[in-house]
Amino acid sequence: MSSIPNPLPFWKMHGAGNDFVVAQVDAGGVTDEEWGELAVRVCDRHFGVGADGLILVQPSESADRKMRIFNADGSDGEMCVNGIRCFVKFCFDRGLVASVDGAMVVETGPGPMPCQAFFGEDGRVERVRVTAAEPNLDPRASGVHVEQAPPVHDLPVTVSDALGESEQRVSIVSMGNPHAIQFIDIAPEEYPLHRIGPLMEHHPLFQQRTNFEVTRVLDRTHMEMRVWERGVGETMACGSGACAVMVAAHVQGLVEDAVDVRLPGGTLHIEWPGQGRVNLTGPAAKVFESEWSG
């Protein structure tokens, strides 16, 4: 019998429209398969709560709290920068962290993520800065094995379906999870992401599957993008994806060290000087709280 609490108290939250079910649980007694099965049911937008992922707030021996995230299809999300912001707000607003200056460290699969919470007049968290992973430009870190030295740009990937064949030319960046980034000259909303996204996610070149972003550079401090997230589909925002597109643009000399990246769900501020870890600042919001039974 599963050890998942029943009922399971949760908060519905979002970071720039990337939405999650967030629940505080202990560290043991439940398998990843069981959590994945729950994520599929909870995240269903017709028969469940509806979300891009299920986030678990767990105890940690090396940080303030440990974060696990399961995608809407039940797969391990590894990490999610929008999710981390929601995680931090959950911890502070529920009094799980005693920090007086808004600093906390989150244990994630790729490693510890230092975070800084910014509070509103009501004392609750409004925004969070996440010191995310150091980008890895080696394509092997993204499960891509090609005879090309990093950084990899304009890598041709041919996809086909009933409507025909097309070639995407992508940059490869790992932010602790894999990203394939296509730079385009049209507005992202005009790109056929719902058709090309799943073909790219499941293309055999990407041995870990991939997140797929289409992005346009507006000027040296502004970009816009859409994302097809691995295991989820199109989402309103993707924090690690926003970091990845900024890194890919910066490496090519297209943008400055600080960039605002506009997504359908809002704007994220990304800072990266060309080395070290990426900083992302963006909103985190609670929608409602309830309990899941079943």
Protein backbone atom coordinates (compact mmCIF):
# COMPACT_ATOMS: atom_id res chain seq x y z
CA MET A 1 0.00 0.00 0.00
CA SER A 2 1.30 3.48 -0.88
CA SER A 3 2.53 5.73 1.93
CA ILE A 4 1.38 8.90 0.16
CA PRO A 5 -0.67 10.92 2.69
CA ASN A 6 -4.39 10.77 1.98
CA PRO A 7 -5.65 13.42 1.95
CA LEU A 8 -2.55 15.31 0.77
CA PRO A 9 -2.58 19.05 1.58
CA PHE A 10 -1.18 21.18 -1.26
CA TRP A 11 -0.83 24.67 -2.65
CA LYS A 12 -1.54 25.47 -6.28
CA MET A 13 1.18 27.93 -7.37
CA HIS A 14 2.73 29.46 -10.46
CA GLY A 15 5.86 31.27 -11.56
CA ALA A 16 5.08 33.45 -14.59
CA GLY A 17 2.27 31.08 -15.55
CA ASN A 18 4.33 27.88 -15.18
CA ASP A 19 2.05 26.19 -12.65
CA PHE A 20 2.59 23.53 -10.01
CA VAL A 21 0.97 21.55 -7.24
CA VAL A 22 3.28 21.92 -4.21
CA ALA A 23 3.07 19.62 -1.20
CA GLN A 24 5.16 19.16 1.95
CA VAL A 25 6.01 15.48 2.53
CA ASP A 26 8.59 13.45 4.43
CA ALA A 27 11.57 11.91 2.66
CA GLY A 28 10.69 8.21 2.68
CA GLY A 29 8.13 5.48 2.20
CA VAL A 30 7.03 6.37 -1.34
CA THR A 31 8.71 5.25 -4.57
CA ASP A 32 9.43 7.54 -7.51
CA GLU A 33 7.01 5.44 -9.55
CA GLU A 34 4.23 6.15 -7.04
CA TRP A 35 4.99 9.88 -7.04
CA GLY A 36 5.05 9.84 -10.83
CA GLU A 37 1.66 8.13 -10.98
CA LEU A 38 0.26 10.72 -8.57
CA ALA A 39 1.72 13.54 -10.68
CA VAL A 40 -0.12 12.25 -13.75
CA ARG A 41 -3.45 12.25 -11.89
CA VAL A 42 -2.98 15.54 -10.06
CA CYS A 43 -1.65 17.46 -13.07
CA ASP A 44 -4.45 16.41 -15.41
CA ARG A 45 -6.25 19.62 -16.39
CA HIS A 46 -9.61 17.90 -16.90
CA PHE A 47 -9.77 15.27 -14.15
CA GLY A 48 -7.20 16.59 -11.63
CA VAL A 49 -6.05 19.89 -10.19
CA GLY A 50 -4.22 20.88 -13.36
CA ALA A 51 -0.52 21.75 -13.39
CA ASP A 52 2.74 21.46 -15.31
CA GLY A 53 4.29 19.48 -12.48
CA LEU A 54 4.11 18.15 -8.92
CA ILE A 55 6.68 19.62 -6.49
CA LEU A 56 7.56 17.90 -3.24
CA VAL A 57 8.99 19.84 -0.30
CA GLN A 58 11.16 17.40 1.67
CA PRO A 59 13.69 17.53 4.52
CA SER A 60 17.34 17.92 3.54
CA GLU A 61 20.58 17.02 5.27
CA SER A 62 22.64 19.42 3.14
CA ALA A 63 20.37 22.44 2.56
CA ASP A 64 17.34 24.22 4.03
CA ARG A 65 14.92 21.97 2.16
CA LYS A 66 15.01 19.41 -0.68
CA MET A 67 12.94 19.80 -3.84
CA ARG A 68 11.68 16.96 -6.02
CA ILE A 69 9.69 17.68 -9.15
CA PHE A 70 7.70 15.29 -11.32
CA ASN A 71 6.46 16.39 -14.73
CA ALA A 72 2.84 16.14 -15.79
CA ASP A 73 3.61 12.87 -17.58
CA GLY A 74 5.07 11.38 -14.38
CA SER A 75 8.72 11.65 -15.41
CA ASP A 76 11.43 13.09 -13.15
CA GLY A 77 11.75 16.80 -13.92
CA GLU A 78 15.28 16.92 -12.40
CA MET A 79 15.01 20.65 -11.70
CA CYS A 80 12.89 23.66 -12.63
CA VAL A 81 13.82 27.26 -11.94
CA ASN A 82 10.22 28.51 -12.02
CA GLY A 83 9.36 25.64 -9.70
CA ILE A 84 12.18 26.57 -7.31
CA ARG A 85 10.75 30.07 -6.95
CA CYS A 86 7.38 28.60 -6.00
CA PHE A 87 9.17 26.19 -3.67
CA VAL A 88 10.94 29.07 -1.91
CA LYS A 89 7.70 31.05 -1.51
CA PHE A 90 5.98 27.96 -0.09
CA CYS A 91 8.76 27.46 2.47
CA PHE A 92 8.89 31.08 3.64
CA ASP A 93 5.16 31.76 3.64
CA ARG A 94 4.52 28.58 5.64
CA GLY A 95 7.33 29.34 8.10
CA LEU A 96 9.44 26.31 7.17
CA VAL A 97 12.62 28.40 6.90
CA ALA A 98 13.88 30.61 9.69
CA SER A 99 16.08 32.91 7.55
CA VAL A 100 15.51 36.57 8.44
CA ASP A 101 17.10 38.02 5.28
CA GLY A 102 15.29 35.88 2.71
CA ALA A 103 18.23 33.64 1.86
CA MET A 104 17.84 29.89 1.60
CA VAL A 105 19.51 26.97 -0.16
CA VAL A 106 17.42 24.38 -2.03
CA GLU A 107 18.73 20.87 -2.60
CA THR A 108 17.96 19.74 -6.16
CA GLY A 109 19.00 16.84 -8.34
CA PRO A 110 21.71 18.82 -10.18
CA GLY A 111 23.00 20.30 -6.90
CA PRO A 112 22.33 23.03 -4.32
CA MET A 113 20.60 26.19 -5.54
CA PRO A 114 21.12 29.36 -3.44
CA CYS A 115 18.01 31.55 -3.50
CA GLN A 116 17.03 35.02 -2.31
CA ALA A 117 13.40 35.82 -1.52
CA PHE A 118 12.00 39.35 -1.81
CA PHE A 119 8.97 40.16 0.33
CA GLY A 120 5.93 42.35 -0.23
CA GLU A 121 4.32 44.70 2.25
CA ASP A 122 2.26 41.80 3.64
CA GLY A 123 5.45 39.95 4.58
CA ARG A 124 4.90 37.25 1.97
CA VAL A 125 7.27 36.38 -0.84
CA GLU A 126 6.60 38.16 -4.15
CA ARG A 127 9.78 37.49 -6.14
CA VAL A 128 12.74 35.14 -5.88
CA ARG A 129 16.25 35.26 -7.30
CA VAL A 130 17.66 31.81 -8.02
CA THR A 131 21.35 31.16 -8.49
CA ALA A 132 20.83 28.36 -10.96
CA ALA A 133 23.29 25.83 -12.32
CA GLU A 134 26.41 26.71 -14.27
CA PRO A 135 25.57 26.09 -17.92
CA ASN A 136 27.27 23.13 -19.56
CA LEU A 137 27.86 23.63 -23.28
CA ASP A 138 29.20 20.14 -23.88
CA PRO A 139 26.43 18.45 -25.91
CA ARG A 140 27.05 15.16 -24.11
CA ALA A 141 25.68 16.78 -20.92
CA SER A 142 22.39 17.12 -22.80
CA GLY A 143 22.47 13.54 -24.05
CA VAL A 144 23.59 14.59 -27.55
CA HIS A 145 26.54 12.77 -29.09
CA VAL A 146 27.84 14.61 -32.13
CA GLU A 147 31.29 15.14 -33.64
CA GLN A 148 31.32 18.84 -32.88
CA ALA A 149 33.29 20.69 -30.23
CA PRO A 150 31.33 22.87 -27.79
CA PRO A 151 29.68 25.26 -27.93
CA VAL A 152 27.29 23.70 -30.44
CA HIS A 153 25.26 26.12 -32.56
CA ASP A 154 23.28 25.64 -35.76
CA LEU A 155 23.14 21.88 -35.26
CA PRO A 156 20.79 20.59 -38.00
CA VAL A 157 17.93 18.39 -36.78
CA THR A 158 15.47 17.08 -39.35
CA VAL A 159 11.95 16.22 -38.22
CA SER A 160 9.00 14.98 -40.23
CA ASP A 161 5.32 14.23 -39.82
CA ALA A 162 2.24 13.95 -42.01
CA LEU A 163 2.57 17.63 -42.94
CA GLY A 164 6.11 17.26 -44.25
CA GLU A 165 9.78 17.50 -43.35
CA SER A 166 11.60 20.47 -41.83
CA GLU A 167 15.04 21.23 -40.48
CA GLN A 168 15.65 22.96 -37.18
CA ARG A 169 19.10 24.40 -36.46
CA VAL A 170 19.67 24.46 -32.71
CA SER A 171 22.11 25.42 -29.99
CA ILE A 172 22.66 22.86 -27.22
CA VAL A 173 22.82 23.98 -23.57
CA SER A 174 22.42 21.99 -20.36
CA MET A 175 21.16 23.81 -17.28
CA GLY A 176 21.11 20.57 -15.29
CA ASN A 177 18.45 19.50 -17.80
CA PRO A 178 18.78 19.43 -21.61
CA HIS A 179 17.81 22.30 -23.91
CA ALA A 180 17.77 22.64 -27.69
CA ILE A 181 17.35 26.27 -28.76
CA GLN A 182 16.28 27.53 -32.16
CA PHE A 183 16.87 31.20 -32.97
CA ILE A 184 14.14 32.57 -35.23
CA ASP A 185 13.45 35.85 -37.03
CA ILE A 186 9.67 35.74 -36.61
CA ALA A 187 7.61 36.33 -33.49
CA PRO A 188 7.60 33.15 -31.37
CA GLU A 189 3.79 33.04 -31.40
CA GLU A 190 3.95 32.54 -35.18
CA TYR A 191 6.16 29.44 -34.92
CA PRO A 192 4.34 26.03 -35.17
CA LEU A 193 5.57 24.89 -31.75
CA HIS A 194 2.71 22.47 -31.09
CA ARG A 195 3.68 20.52 -34.21
CA ILE A 196 7.48 20.75 -34.06
CA GLY A 197 7.87 20.63 -30.25
CA PRO A 198 6.92 16.98 -29.68
CA LEU A 199 8.95 15.89 -32.72
CA MET A 200 12.03 17.58 -31.27
CA GLU A 201 11.44 16.30 -27.73
CA HIS A 202 11.37 12.70 -28.93
CA HIS A 203 13.95 12.94 -31.74
CA PRO A 204 16.47 10.08 -31.42
CA LEU A 205 19.36 12.57 -31.38
CA PHE A 206 18.28 13.58 -27.87
CA GLN A 207 18.97 10.51 -25.76
CA GLN A 208 17.42 12.12 -22.64
CA ARG A 209 14.65 13.74 -24.69
CA THR A 210 14.93 17.53 -24.66
CA ASN A 211 13.29 20.81 -23.81
CA PHE A 212 12.88 22.78 -27.04
CA GLU A 213 12.88 26.59 -27.15
CA VAL A 214 12.28 29.00 -30.00
CA THR A 215 13.60 32.48 -29.34
CA ARG A 216 14.04 35.85 -30.98
CA VAL A 217 16.60 38.47 -29.93
CA LEU A 218 14.87 41.85 -29.85
CA ASP A 219 17.91 43.88 -28.84
CA ARG A 220 20.97 43.40 -26.64
CA THR A 221 18.95 43.36 -23.41
CA HIS A 222 15.63 41.85 -24.51
CA MET A 223 14.60 38.46 -25.88
CA GLU A 224 11.32 36.63 -26.33
CA MET A 225 10.66 32.90 -26.42
CA ARG A 226 8.26 29.98 -26.29
CA VAL A 227 9.07 26.56 -24.91
CA TRP A 228 8.04 22.96 -25.38
CA GLU A 229 8.96 21.31 -22.08
CA ARG A 230 10.10 17.71 -21.92
CA GLY A 231 7.37 15.61 -20.33
CA VAL A 232 4.86 18.48 -20.19
CA GLY A 233 4.29 20.15 -23.56
CA GLU A 234 4.08 23.88 -24.14
CA THR A 235 4.15 25.88 -20.91
CA MET A 236 3.61 29.55 -20.17
CA ALA A 237 7.18 29.88 -18.92
CA CYS A 238 10.31 27.84 -18.25
CA GLY A 239 13.01 29.22 -15.98
CA SER A 240 15.81 26.89 -17.00
CA GLY A 241 14.77 27.42 -20.62
CA ALA A 242 15.00 31.20 -20.23
CA CYS A 243 18.48 30.75 -18.74
CA ALA A 244 19.46 28.45 -21.61
CA VAL A 245 18.34 30.83 -24.38
CA MET A 246 20.15 33.75 -22.74
CA VAL A 247 23.33 31.68 -22.41
CA ALA A 248 23.12 30.54 -26.04
CA ALA A 249 22.66 34.16 -27.19
CA HIS A 250 25.44 35.46 -24.92
CA VAL A 251 27.96 32.88 -26.14
CA GLN A 252 27.29 34.09 -29.69
CA GLY A 253 27.78 37.73 -28.67
CA LEU A 254 24.17 38.68 -29.31
CA VAL A 255 23.25 40.05 -25.86
CA GLU A 256 24.70 41.78 -22.80
CA ASP A 257 25.28 40.27 -19.34
CA ALA A 258 21.72 41.06 -18.15
CA VAL A 259 18.65 40.30 -20.26
CA ASP A 260 14.88 40.40 -19.82
CA VAL A 261 13.34 37.32 -21.44
CA ARG A 262 9.64 37.63 -22.28
CA LEU A 263 7.52 34.47 -22.23
CA PRO A 264 3.75 34.03 -22.67
CA GLY A 265 3.31 34.02 -18.87
CA GLY A 266 5.55 36.96 -18.00
CA THR A 267 9.10 38.31 -18.04
CA LEU A 268 12.13 36.78 -16.32
CA HIS A 269 15.37 38.66 -15.63
CA ILE A 270 18.52 36.66 -16.41
CA GLU A 271 22.09 37.61 -15.49
CA TRP A 272 25.20 35.78 -16.73
CA PRO A 273 28.62 37.37 -17.40
CA GLY A 274 29.86 34.51 -19.57
CA GLN A 275 31.12 32.21 -16.83
CA GLY A 276 29.92 30.74 -13.55
CA ARG A 277 26.32 30.23 -12.52
CA VAL A 278 23.28 31.96 -13.98
CA ASN A 279 21.03 34.18 -11.85
CA LEU A 280 17.31 34.36 -12.59
CA THR A 281 14.80 36.65 -10.88
CA GLY A 282 11.06 36.34 -11.33
CA PRO A 283 7.67 36.25 -9.59
CA ALA A 284 6.13 33.47 -7.52
CA ALA A 285 2.44 33.34 -6.64
CA LYS A 286 0.02 31.21 -4.66
CA VAL A 287 -3.31 30.54 -6.39
CA PHE A 288 -5.15 28.53 -3.72
CA GLU A 289 -4.68 25.73 -1.19
CA SER A 290 -6.67 22.54 -0.81
CA GLU A 291 -6.32 18.78 -0.28
CA TRP A 292 -6.03 15.90 -2.74
CA SER A 293 -7.88 12.69 -1.91
CA GLY A 294 -7.63 9.46 -3.83
